[in-house]
Protein backbone atom coordinates (compact mmCIF):
# COMPACT_ATOMS: atom_id res chain seq x y z
CA UNK A 1 13.37 -9.17 0.62
CA UNK A 2 15.20 -8.80 -2.67
CA UNK A 3 14.48 -5.58 -4.56
CA UNK A 4 16.10 -7.13 -7.64
CA UNK A 5 12.92 -9.21 -7.97
CA UNK A 6 10.97 -6.09 -8.95
CA UNK A 7 10.43 -5.53 -12.65
CA UNK A 8 8.32 -3.47 -15.06
CA UNK A 9 5.65 -5.23 -17.12
CA UNK A 10 3.90 -3.95 -20.22
CA UNK A 11 0.12 -4.01 -19.66
CA UNK A 12 -0.93 -1.84 -22.61
CA UNK A 13 -3.49 -4.47 -23.60
CA UNK A 14 -5.66 -3.33 -20.71
CA UNK A 15 -6.60 -0.39 -22.94
CA UNK A 16 -6.49 -2.40 -26.20
CA UNK A 17 -2.94 -1.15 -26.80
CA UNK A 18 -4.19 2.38 -27.46
CA UNK A 19 -1.86 3.73 -24.77
CA UNK A 20 1.61 2.88 -23.47
CA UNK A 21 0.92 1.54 -19.96
CA UNK A 22 3.41 -0.35 -17.78
CA UNK A 23 3.21 -1.58 -14.20
CA UNK A 24 5.96 -1.65 -11.57
CA UNK A 25 5.61 -5.13 -10.08
CA UNK A 26 6.30 -4.40 -6.44
CA UNK A 27 4.26 -7.44 -5.46
CA UNK A 28 7.11 -9.78 -6.40
CA UNK A 29 9.44 -8.29 -3.78
CA UNK A 30 8.20 -10.78 -1.17
CA UNK A 31 4.98 -12.80 -0.69
CA UNK A 32 4.20 -10.92 2.53
CA UNK A 33 6.39 -7.80 2.85
CA UNK A 34 5.50 -6.87 -0.70
CA UNK A 35 4.85 -3.83 -2.80
CA UNK A 36 5.02 -0.60 -0.84
CA UNK A 37 5.07 -2.28 2.60
CA UNK A 38 8.82 -2.84 2.82
CA UNK A 39 9.57 0.56 1.33
CA UNK A 40 7.41 2.36 3.89
CA UNK A 41 8.86 0.33 6.78
CA UNK A 42 12.54 0.39 5.84
CA UNK A 43 13.55 3.67 7.47
CA UNK A 44 11.37 3.14 10.56
CA UNK A 45 13.19 -0.15 11.11
CA UNK A 46 16.59 1.37 10.35
CA UNK A 47 15.98 4.16 12.87
CA UNK A 48 14.72 1.71 15.51
CA UNK A 49 17.84 -0.42 15.25
CA UNK A 50 20.09 2.67 15.28
CA UNK A 51 18.36 3.83 18.47
CA UNK A 52 18.89 0.46 20.12
CA UNK A 53 15.19 -0.44 20.23
CA UNK A 54 14.23 -4.09 20.52
CA UNK A 55 10.55 -3.91 19.58
CA UNK A 56 8.37 -2.45 16.82
CA UNK A 57 4.88 -1.40 17.92
CA UNK A 58 2.18 -0.42 15.46
CA UNK A 59 -1.54 -0.33 14.64
CA UNK A 60 -3.85 -1.94 12.11
CA UNK A 61 -7.03 -3.82 11.32
CA UNK A 62 -7.52 -7.60 11.33
CA UNK A 63 -6.74 -7.84 7.59
CA UNK A 64 -3.98 -5.21 7.55
CA UNK A 65 -1.11 -5.74 5.12
CA UNK A 66 0.89 -3.39 7.32
CA UNK A 67 0.42 -5.59 10.40
CA UNK A 68 1.67 -8.80 8.82
CA UNK A 69 4.47 -6.97 6.98
CA UNK A 70 5.67 -5.43 10.26
CA UNK A 71 5.54 -8.82 11.97
CA UNK A 72 7.55 -10.60 9.29
CA UNK A 73 10.03 -7.80 8.61
CA UNK A 74 10.59 -7.27 12.32
CA UNK A 75 11.24 -10.98 12.84
CA UNK A 76 13.66 -11.01 9.90
CA UNK A 77 15.60 -8.16 11.51
CA UNK A 78 15.68 -9.77 14.94
CA UNK A 79 13.13 -7.41 16.47
CA UNK A 80 10.08 -8.17 18.59
CA UNK A 81 6.76 -6.83 17.31
CA UNK A 82 3.54 -5.69 18.95
CA UNK A 83 0.31 -5.01 17.07
CA UNK A 84 -2.64 -3.04 18.40
CA UNK A 85 -5.60 -4.34 16.42
CA UNK A 86 -8.83 -2.50 15.62
CA UNK A 87 -11.87 -4.25 17.09
CA UNK A 88 -12.60 -6.90 19.70
CA UNK A 89 -10.79 -10.23 19.46
CA UNK A 90 -12.71 -12.48 17.05
CA UNK A 91 -13.56 -16.09 17.74
CA UNK A 92 -11.46 -17.07 14.74
CA UNK A 93 -8.41 -15.03 13.79
CA UNK A 94 -8.10 -13.79 10.23
CA UNK A 95 -5.31 -15.39 8.15
CA UNK A 96 -3.43 -12.09 8.50
CA UNK A 97 -3.50 -12.13 12.30
CA UNK A 98 -2.75 -15.84 12.42
CA UNK A 99 0.38 -15.27 10.36
CA UNK A 100 1.33 -12.25 12.46
CA UNK A 101 1.23 -14.50 15.54
CA UNK A 102 3.26 -17.14 13.72
CA UNK A 103 5.88 -14.47 13.06
CA UNK A 104 6.06 -13.65 16.76
CA UNK A 105 3.86 -10.57 16.98
CA UNK A 106 2.05 -9.94 20.26
CA UNK A 107 -1.52 -8.81 19.56
CA UNK A 108 -3.64 -6.43 21.63
CA UNK A 109 -7.27 -5.96 20.58
CA UNK A 110 -8.73 -2.48 21.00
CA UNK A 111 -12.39 -1.46 20.63
CA UNK A 112 -13.10 0.54 17.49
CA UNK A 113 -13.93 3.59 19.60
CA UNK A 114 -10.71 3.47 21.60
CA UNK A 115 -8.65 2.60 18.53
CA UNK A 116 -9.27 6.10 17.15
CA UNK A 117 -7.09 7.44 19.99
CA UNK A 118 -3.75 6.05 18.88
CA UNK A 119 -1.79 8.72 20.72
CA UNK A 120 -3.44 7.67 23.99
CA UNK A 121 -2.73 4.00 23.24
CA UNK A 122 0.95 4.70 22.70
CA UNK A 123 1.09 6.94 25.79
CA UNK A 124 -0.51 4.20 27.92
CA UNK A 125 1.95 1.60 26.65
CA UNK A 126 5.23 3.43 26.96
CA UNK A 127 8.32 1.25 26.89
CA UNK A 128 11.81 2.60 26.29
CA UNK A 129 12.60 -0.43 24.13
CA UNK A 130 9.69 0.17 21.77
CA UNK A 131 9.80 2.05 18.48
CA UNK A 132 6.33 3.18 17.40
CA UNK A 133 5.24 3.06 13.77
CA UNK A 134 1.99 4.82 12.78
CA UNK A 135 -0.80 2.81 11.14
CA UNK A 136 0.06 2.05 7.54
CA UNK A 137 3.50 3.55 8.03
CA UNK A 138 1.99 7.03 7.69
CA UNK A 139 4.52 9.77 8.30
CA UNK A 140 7.44 11.55 6.69
CA UNK A 141 9.67 8.57 7.49
CA UNK A 142 7.31 6.24 5.65
CA UNK A 143 6.99 8.63 2.72
CA UNK A 144 10.76 8.96 2.42
CA UNK A 145 10.93 5.18 2.25
CA UNK A 146 8.21 5.03 -0.41
CA UNK A 147 10.13 7.65 -2.37
CA UNK A 148 12.77 5.06 -3.17
CA UNK A 149 10.25 2.93 -5.08
CA UNK A 150 10.95 5.03 -8.17
CA UNK A 151 14.69 4.39 -7.94
CA UNK A 152 14.59 0.58 -8.26
CA UNK A 153 14.16 0.79 -12.03
CA UNK A 154 14.61 3.65 -14.47
CA UNK A 155 11.26 5.42 -14.33
CA UNK A 156 12.39 8.74 -15.80
CA UNK A 157 10.68 8.24 -19.17
CA UNK A 158 7.16 8.10 -17.68
CA UNK A 159 5.07 11.27 -17.63
CA UNK A 160 2.20 9.83 -15.57
CA UNK A 161 2.52 7.64 -12.48
CA UNK A 162 -0.63 6.16 -10.93
CA UNK A 163 -1.12 4.47 -7.56
CA UNK A 164 -3.82 3.35 -5.14
CA UNK A 165 -4.29 5.53 -2.06
CA UNK A 166 -5.01 4.39 1.49
CA UNK A 167 -3.16 6.45 4.08
CA UNK A 168 -1.52 8.48 1.31
CA UNK A 169 2.00 7.64 2.50
CA UNK A 170 3.06 5.95 -0.73
CA UNK A 171 1.57 8.69 -2.87
CA UNK A 172 3.43 11.32 -0.84
CA UNK A 173 6.65 9.39 -1.46
CA UNK A 174 5.99 9.21 -5.19
CA UNK A 175 5.34 12.95 -5.26
CA UNK A 176 8.63 13.51 -3.46
CA UNK A 177 10.45 11.41 -6.06
CA UNK A 178 8.64 12.77 -9.12
CA UNK A 179 10.62 14.61 -11.76
CA UNK A 180 9.32 17.99 -13.00
CA UNK A 181 7.73 16.42 -16.10
CA UNK A 182 5.86 13.74 -14.13
CA UNK A 183 2.33 13.85 -12.75
CA UNK A 184 1.24 11.59 -9.88
CA UNK A 185 -2.38 10.39 -9.86
CA UNK A 186 -3.82 8.61 -6.84
CA UNK A 187 -7.03 6.57 -6.81
CA UNK A 188 -8.53 6.49 -3.32
CA UNK A 189 -9.82 3.10 -2.14
CA UNK A 190 -11.77 4.65 0.74
CA UNK A 191 -15.22 6.19 0.45
CA UNK A 192 -15.54 9.90 1.29
CA UNK A 193 -11.82 10.08 1.99
CA UNK A 194 -11.88 13.83 1.52
CA UNK A 195 -9.22 14.58 4.14
CA UNK A 196 -6.60 12.57 2.25
CA UNK A 197 -5.42 15.57 0.23
CA UNK A 198 -4.45 17.44 3.39
CA UNK A 199 -2.92 14.30 4.92
CA UNK A 200 -0.69 13.84 1.88
CA UNK A 201 0.32 17.50 1.81
CA UNK A 202 1.25 17.25 5.50
CA UNK A 203 4.07 14.89 4.49
CA UNK A 204 5.43 17.20 1.79
CA UNK A 205 7.65 20.24 1.85
CA UNK A 206 6.24 23.44 0.36
CA UNK A 207 8.23 22.84 -2.82
CA UNK A 208 7.04 19.24 -3.10
CA UNK A 209 3.42 20.28 -2.55
CA UNK A 210 3.67 22.43 -5.69
CA UNK A 211 4.39 19.41 -7.89
CA UNK A 212 1.73 18.03 -10.23
CA UNK A 213 -0.61 15.54 -8.57
CA UNK A 214 -4.29 14.77 -8.16
CA UNK A 215 -6.54 12.33 -6.28
CA UNK A 216 -9.55 10.58 -7.79
CA UNK A 217 -12.39 9.33 -5.54
CA UNK A 218 -14.48 7.44 -8.08
CA UNK A 219 -13.14 3.90 -7.71
CA UNK A 220 -13.65 2.87 -4.07
CA UNK A 221 -16.35 0.25 -4.94
CA UNK A 222 -18.33 1.10 -1.83
CA UNK A 223 -15.50 1.73 0.60
CA UNK A 224 -12.37 0.23 2.10
CA UNK A 225 -12.14 -3.53 1.43
CA UNK A 226 -15.55 -3.46 -0.27
CA UNK A 227 -15.90 -5.22 -3.59
CA UNK A 228 -18.44 -6.29 -6.18
CA UNK A 229 -18.79 -9.36 -8.44
CA UNK A 230 -17.67 -7.15 -11.33
CA UNK A 231 -14.42 -6.34 -9.53
CA UNK A 232 -13.73 -10.03 -8.85
CA UNK A 233 -14.38 -10.83 -12.52
CA UNK A 234 -11.98 -8.06 -13.47
CA UNK A 235 -9.29 -9.51 -11.18
CA UNK A 236 -9.65 -12.90 -12.81
CA UNK A 237 -9.54 -11.40 -16.30
CA UNK A 238 -6.34 -9.49 -15.50
CA UNK A 239 -4.69 -12.69 -14.37
CA UNK A 240 -5.92 -14.74 -17.33
CA UNK A 241 -4.96 -12.14 -19.91
CA UNK A 242 -1.76 -10.67 -18.44
CA UNK A 243 -0.72 -13.00 -15.62
CA UNK A 244 -1.22 -10.01 -13.34
CA UNK A 245 -2.42 -10.92 -9.82
CA UNK A 246 -4.27 -8.15 -8.00
CA UNK A 247 -5.76 -7.70 -4.53
CA UNK A 248 -9.35 -6.58 -4.00
CA UNK A 249 -8.53 -3.84 -1.48
CA UNK A 250 -6.08 -1.74 -3.48
CA UNK A 251 -4.67 -2.84 -6.81
CA UNK A 252 -7.83 -4.26 -8.43
CA UNK A 253 -9.58 -0.94 -7.87
CA UNK A 254 -6.48 0.83 -9.14
CA UNK A 255 -6.30 -1.15 -12.38
CA UNK A 256 -10.06 -0.94 -12.94
CA UNK A 257 -9.79 2.82 -12.55
CA UNK A 258 -6.84 3.05 -14.93
CA UNK A 259 -8.74 1.14 -17.61
CA UNK A 260 -11.88 3.23 -17.11
CA UNK A 261 -10.03 6.54 -17.16
CA UNK A 262 -8.18 5.47 -20.31
CA UNK A 263 -11.49 4.61 -22.01
CA UNK A 264 -12.81 8.07 -21.11
CA UNK A 265 -9.86 9.87 -22.71
CA UNK A 266 -8.14 10.93 -19.49
CA UNK A 267 -4.67 10.41 -20.95
CA UNK A 268 -3.05 11.84 -24.07
CA UNK A 269 -2.30 9.22 -26.75
CA UNK A 270 1.41 10.04 -26.45
CA UNK A 271 1.42 9.48 -22.66
CA UNK A 272 3.76 6.98 -21.11
CA UNK A 273 2.05 5.68 -17.98
CA UNK A 274 3.46 3.74 -15.03
CA UNK A 275 1.10 2.04 -12.58
CA UNK A 276 2.45 1.04 -9.15
CA UNK A 277 1.62 -2.47 -7.94
CA UNK A 278 1.65 -2.04 -4.17
CA UNK A 279 1.41 -5.74 -3.32
CA UNK A 280 -0.96 -6.86 -0.58
CA UNK A 281 -1.97 -10.09 -2.28
CA UNK A 282 -2.12 -11.91 1.06
CA UNK A 283 -5.46 -10.21 1.71
CA UNK A 284 -7.05 -12.36 -1.00
CA UNK A 285 -6.95 -15.32 1.39
CA UNK A 286 -10.22 -14.06 2.86
CA UNK A 287 -11.99 -15.32 -0.29
CA UNK A 288 -13.45 -18.80 -0.55
CA UNK A 289 -11.28 -21.24 -2.46
CA UNK A 290 -12.00 -21.06 -6.17
CA UNK A 291 -13.15 -17.44 -6.18
CA UNK A 292 -9.93 -16.35 -7.86
CA UNK A 293 -7.98 -18.08 -10.62
CA UNK A 294 -4.66 -17.49 -8.90
């Protein structure tokens, strides 16, 4: 992973150049450990190595960016990896799980009911050589890693920073890193994800929790990993017009929301806006060939 690959792209045309909107291209960090994935994992992996652990153990669904990122990053660092996967083992593995296996990850399939008890799973699988990483990298350690996303390039001139929200770990990191003049806006990709505000605040100090931020719940497109033909068309248009590849789980919903909010006058004309591309493009492999133009 080479953080020098990351750059900032002008995408003001998404709002007909009526606003100054840029995007931090975290997706170009690595084809798999891309966007926010490496940032959230970096300190978990550092701490595991410092503690003499030999294995990273974590949780995720069959299409989880976090699972494949942990598998590849762990392999690159000489660590074994174990993934506890939500749901019964399918007849055919998803491309994500297939690649996780190819990168040496041992997979354990857990029923959806039992998967909700992650603390019990970790307690039942204690191994002194294992370092446990919460699903999606959620935790203060993950947020501190995500905080460094705003240090790769000079982001001090932006007054508004917008990201997609899943576990809230990245958004918490961005809030931690935000300067006093900056507002962080998160667009939730989960339906009825009302608890996310408290989950984000749980990762912040009292001082950080007083910074300017808000979460919008209007652009989930039906729920996590749900999508519509209109969203797919939007993804293709973004690539055709701006050479901007998006994923249907997070960043397509994010960019659609940014465009819609801009059209509704959410932002002041003088605003300088930075959108965070959190990667995850590997998830697009679940589409039939030809669905996307990239």
